[in-house]
Amino acid sequence: MVSCIFLAYGIYGGREYLRLKEMELQNQKLLKEIEQMKDENLQMMREIKALKTDPKTIEKIAREELGMVKPGEIKITTAKPESKPPKGSRPGTESDAGPSR
């Protein structure tokens, strides 16, 4: 009778032990994820505070993302050079489509 109890525990208890270990690993993974999210949240809160209170941060965003300038300033931009097609080829010709058969 006692051996049946040990056998049953060995079969079912072992599964529960493995399940418990899996749950502990999952818990550790979730705790790490929570810490990462807390760090991200803190960084975002700092950015929000700076955007609400720091004139230099506001000016930086206005200049870089919105392209704004102060009165009396002149905005100078440089254009990227256009790429030219290789010599001897014209747009819409077979040379653009590859070799002909």
C-alpha atoms as a PDB file:
ATOM      1  CA  MET A   1       0.000   0.000   0.000  1.00  0.00           C
ATOM      2  CA  VAL A   2       2.796   2.420   0.926  1.00  0.00           C
ATOM      3  CA  SER A   3       4.622   1.626  -2.292  1.00  0.00           C
ATOM      4  CA  CYS A   4       1.488   2.576  -4.284  1.00  0.00           C
ATOM      5  CA  ILE A   5       1.420   5.950  -2.546  1.00  0.00           C
ATOM      6  CA  PHE A   6       5.098   6.558  -3.348  1.00  0.00           C
ATOM      7  CA  LEU A   7       4.518   5.463  -6.942  1.00  0.00           C
ATOM      8  CA  ALA A   8       1.569   7.821  -7.320  1.00  0.00           C
ATOM      9  CA  TYR A   9       3.546  10.678  -5.772  1.00  0.00           C
ATOM     10  CA  GLY A  10       6.493   9.906  -8.047  1.00  0.00           C
ATOM     11  CA  ILE A  11       4.305  10.097 -11.135  1.00  0.00           C
ATOM     12  CA  TYR A  12       2.107  13.060 -10.239  1.00  0.00           C
ATOM     13  CA  GLY A  13       4.420  14.856  -7.819  1.00  0.00           C
ATOM     14  CA  GLY A  14       7.197  14.988 -10.396  1.00  0.00           C
ATOM     15  CA  ARG A  15       4.919  16.696 -12.877  1.00  0.00           C
ATOM     16  CA  GLU A  16       3.882  19.251 -10.306  1.00  0.00           C
ATOM     17  CA  TYR A  17       7.527  19.942  -9.456  1.00  0.00           C
ATOM     18  CA  LEU A  18       8.328  20.597 -13.129  1.00  0.00           C
ATOM     19  CA  ARG A  19       5.250  22.781 -13.442  1.00  0.00           C
ATOM     20  CA  LEU A  20       6.316  24.734 -10.358  1.00  0.00           C
ATOM     21  CA  LYS A  21       9.819  25.297 -11.819  1.00  0.00           C
ATOM     22  CA  GLU A  22       8.314  26.498 -15.117  1.00  0.00           C
ATOM     23  CA  MET A  23       6.105  28.924 -13.238  1.00  0.00           C
ATOM     24  CA  GLU A  24       9.082  30.238 -11.258  1.00  0.00           C
ATOM     25  CA  LEU A  25      11.009  30.861 -14.494  1.00  0.00           C
ATOM     26  CA  GLN A  26       8.012  32.617 -15.994  1.00  0.00           C
ATOM     27  CA  ASN A  27       7.684  34.728 -12.842  1.00  0.00           C
ATOM     28  CA  GLN A  28      11.351  35.787 -13.069  1.00  0.00           C
ATOM     29  CA  LYS A  29      10.901  36.686 -16.739  1.00  0.00           C
ATOM     30  CA  LEU A  30       7.834  38.779 -15.946  1.00  0.00           C
ATOM     31  CA  LEU A  31       9.618  40.547 -13.090  1.00  0.00           C
ATOM     32  CA  LYS A  32      12.448  41.521 -15.479  1.00  0.00           C
ATOM     33  CA  GLU A  33       9.900  42.780 -17.985  1.00  0.00           C
ATOM     34  CA  ILE A  34       8.211  44.845 -15.263  1.00  0.00           C
ATOM     35  CA  GLU A  35      11.549  46.432 -14.325  1.00  0.00           C
ATOM     36  CA  GLN A  36      12.244  47.300 -17.964  1.00  0.00           C
ATOM     37  CA  MET A  37       8.815  48.881 -18.301  1.00  0.00           C
ATOM     38  CA  LYS A  38       9.346  50.867 -15.101  1.00  0.00           C
ATOM     39  CA  ASP A  39      12.622  52.207 -16.527  1.00  0.00           C
ATOM     40  CA  GLU A  40      10.919  53.137 -19.816  1.00  0.00           C
ATOM     41  CA  ASN A  41       8.092  54.800 -17.912  1.00  0.00           C
ATOM     42  CA  LEU A  42      10.540  56.837 -15.831  1.00  0.00           C
ATOM     43  CA  GLN A  43      12.363  57.977 -18.983  1.00  0.00           C
ATOM     44  CA  MET A  44       9.076  58.997 -20.603  1.00  0.00           C
ATOM     45  CA  MET A  45       8.044  60.905 -17.491  1.00  0.00           C
ATOM     46  CA  ARG A  46      11.343  62.819 -17.637  1.00  0.00           C
ATOM     47  CA  GLU A  47      10.744  63.641 -21.304  1.00  0.00           C
ATOM     48  CA  ILE A  48       7.200  64.827 -20.561  1.00  0.00           C
ATOM     49  CA  LYS A  49       8.456  67.048 -17.733  1.00  0.00           C
ATOM     50  CA  ALA A  50      11.156  68.514 -19.984  1.00  0.00           C
ATOM     51  CA  LEU A  51       8.634  69.176 -22.744  1.00  0.00           C
ATOM     52  CA  LYS A  52       6.362  70.958 -20.275  1.00  0.00           C
ATOM     53  CA  THR A  53       8.987  73.028 -18.461  1.00  0.00           C
ATOM     54  CA  ASP A  54      12.302  73.268 -20.343  1.00  0.00           C
ATOM     55  CA  PRO A  55      12.333  75.948 -23.078  1.00  0.00           C
ATOM     56  CA  LYS A  56      15.498  74.496 -24.637  1.00  0.00           C
ATOM     57  CA  THR A  57      13.837  71.099 -25.115  1.00  0.00           C
ATOM     58  CA  ILE A  58      10.775  72.730 -26.652  1.00  0.00           C
ATOM     59  CA  GLU A  59      12.965  74.802 -28.980  1.00  0.00           C
ATOM     60  CA  LYS A  60      14.961  71.744 -30.011  1.00  0.00           C
ATOM     61  CA  ILE A  61      11.793  69.841 -30.974  1.00  0.00           C
ATOM     62  CA  ALA A  62      10.409  72.884 -32.804  1.00  0.00           C
ATOM     63  CA  ARG A  63      13.583  73.261 -34.838  1.00  0.00           C
ATOM     64  CA  GLU A  64      14.369  69.615 -35.571  1.00  0.00           C
ATOM     65  CA  GLU A  65      10.941  68.072 -36.032  1.00  0.00           C
ATOM     66  CA  LEU A  66       8.814  71.024 -37.123  1.00  0.00           C
ATOM     67  CA  GLY A  67      11.470  72.967 -39.063  1.00  0.00           C
ATOM     68  CA  MET A  68      10.686  76.219 -37.253  1.00  0.00           C
ATOM     69  CA  VAL A  69      13.056  79.204 -37.031  1.00  0.00           C
ATOM     70  CA  LYS A  70      13.180  82.286 -34.822  1.00  0.00           C
ATOM     71  CA  PRO A  71      12.109  85.641 -36.273  1.00  0.00           C
ATOM     72  CA  GLY A  72      14.971  87.099 -38.277  1.00  0.00           C
ATOM     73  CA  GLU A  73      16.663  83.734 -38.835  1.00  0.00           C
ATOM     74  CA  ILE A  74      17.019  82.180 -42.257  1.00  0.00           C
ATOM     75  CA  LYS A  75      16.652  78.456 -42.646  1.00  0.00           C
ATOM     76  CA  ILE A  76      19.216  76.910 -44.959  1.00  0.00           C
ATOM     77  CA  THR A  77      18.712  73.400 -46.231  1.00  0.00           C
ATOM     78  CA  THR A  78      20.794  71.344 -48.574  1.00  0.00           C
ATOM     79  CA  ALA A  79      19.277  69.154 -51.225  1.00  0.00           C
ATOM     80  CA  LYS A  80      20.617  65.702 -51.903  1.00  0.00           C
ATOM     81  CA  PRO A  81      22.042  65.384 -55.398  1.00  0.00           C
ATOM     82  CA  GLU A  82      19.782  63.534 -57.789  1.00  0.00           C
ATOM     83  CA  SER A  83      21.134  60.222 -58.994  1.00  0.00           C
ATOM     84  CA  LYS A  84      21.801  60.164 -62.708  1.00  0.00           C
ATOM     85  CA  PRO A  85      21.178  57.073 -64.846  1.00  0.00           C
ATOM     86  CA  PRO A  86      24.280  55.330 -66.209  1.00  0.00           C
ATOM     87  CA  LYS A  87      25.742  56.727 -69.431  1.00  0.00           C
ATOM     88  CA  GLY A  88      24.169  55.389 -72.580  1.00  0.00           C
ATOM     89  CA  SER A  89      20.840  54.439 -71.027  1.00  0.00           C
ATOM     90  CA  ARG A  90      17.627  56.368 -71.247  1.00  0.00           C
ATOM     91  CA  PRO A  91      14.544  55.932 -69.088  1.00  0.00           C
ATOM     92  CA  GLY A  92      11.961  53.666 -70.683  1.00  0.00           C
ATOM     93  CA  THR A  93      14.391  51.773 -72.905  1.00  0.00           C
ATOM     94  CA  GLU A  94      15.174  48.075 -72.881  1.00  0.00           C
ATOM     95  CA  SER A  95      18.509  48.684 -71.178  1.00  0.00           C
ATOM     96  CA  ASP A  96      16.611  49.542 -67.979  1.00  0.00           C
ATOM     97  CA  ALA A  97      14.624  46.322 -68.134  1.00  0.00           C
ATOM     98  CA  GLY A  98      17.675  44.121 -68.528  1.00  0.00           C
ATOM     99  CA  PRO A  99      19.004  42.104 -71.457  1.00  0.00           C
ATOM    100  CA  SER A 100      16.591  41.364 -74.258  1.00  0.00           C
ATOM    101  CA  ARG A 101      16.058  37.869 -75.663  1.00  0.00           C
END
